[in-house]
Structures are given as C-alpha cells and as structure tokens.
C-alpha cells in the first residue's frame, strides 16, 4: 500500500458515515412530515364535521 492509503480509507469511511447520516435524517424528516400531514387532515375533517378515519 502507498503512504497515504490509510488516509484514503479513512476519508471514504468518513464520507460514508456523513452520507449515511444525511440519508437517515431525510428518512426521519419524511416520516415526521407524513405524520404532520395526517394530523392536519384529521383537524380539517373535524372542522368540517366529518369523522376522521
């Protein structure tokens, strides 16, 4: 291996961790937005006098 192979491996591992964290954050936020949308729809249905599903 070259003199800098360890740094290259560390760099790829760090970027993988950063990208994995970004994907996890996007998934977490997507789920939170879906829950919020369902809550808003339920409130709107209650205001119209309909039974919420």
Protein backbone atom coordinates (compact mmCIF):
# COMPACT_ATOMS: atom_id res chain seq x y z
CA UNK A 1 0.00 0.00 0.00
CA UNK A 2 1.01 3.56 -0.55
CA UNK A 3 1.99 6.01 2.11
CA UNK A 4 -1.46 7.60 2.13
CA UNK A 5 -3.72 4.57 1.77
CA UNK A 6 -4.85 4.78 5.39
CA UNK A 7 -5.95 8.37 4.91
CA UNK A 8 -7.84 7.44 1.76
CA UNK A 9 -9.67 4.61 3.57
CA UNK A 10 -10.42 6.93 6.50
CA UNK A 11 -11.72 9.58 4.11
CA UNK A 12 -14.04 7.13 2.35
CA UNK A 13 -15.29 5.79 5.68
CA UNK A 14 -15.93 9.30 6.96
CA UNK A 15 -17.81 10.30 3.79
CA UNK A 16 -19.85 7.10 4.00
CA UNK A 17 -20.80 7.94 7.58
CA UNK A 18 -21.71 11.52 6.65
CA UNK A 19 -23.82 10.41 3.68
CA UNK A 20 -25.48 7.69 5.77
CA UNK A 21 -26.36 10.30 8.38
CA UNK A 22 -27.82 12.57 5.73
CA UNK A 23 -29.99 9.76 4.35
CA UNK A 24 -31.14 8.83 7.86
CA UNK A 25 -32.06 12.48 8.53
CA UNK A 26 -34.05 12.67 5.30
CA UNK A 27 -35.96 9.49 6.17
CA UNK A 28 -36.65 10.75 9.70
CA UNK A 29 -37.88 14.11 8.40
CA UNK A 30 -40.04 12.45 5.71
CA UNK A 31 -41.80 10.34 8.34
CA UNK A 32 -42.33 13.37 10.56
CA UNK A 33 -43.86 15.29 7.67
CA UNK A 34 -46.21 12.40 6.86
CA UNK A 35 -47.39 12.32 10.50
CA UNK A 36 -47.88 16.09 10.46
CA UNK A 37 -49.90 15.90 7.22
CA UNK A 38 -52.13 13.20 8.70
CA UNK A 39 -52.68 15.35 11.79
CA UNK A 40 -53.60 18.37 9.65
CA UNK A 41 -56.02 16.31 7.58
CA UNK A 42 -57.63 14.98 10.77
CA UNK A 43 -58.10 18.51 12.14
CA UNK A 44 -59.59 19.68 8.83
CA UNK A 45 -62.01 16.73 8.82
CA UNK A 46 -63.07 17.51 12.38
CA UNK A 47 -63.67 21.14 11.47
CA UNK A 48 -65.91 20.06 8.58
CA UNK A 49 -67.81 17.80 10.96
CA UNK A 50 -66.70 14.57 9.32
CA UNK A 51 -65.46 11.53 11.14
CA UNK A 52 -61.72 11.22 10.80
CA UNK A 53 -60.52 7.84 9.51
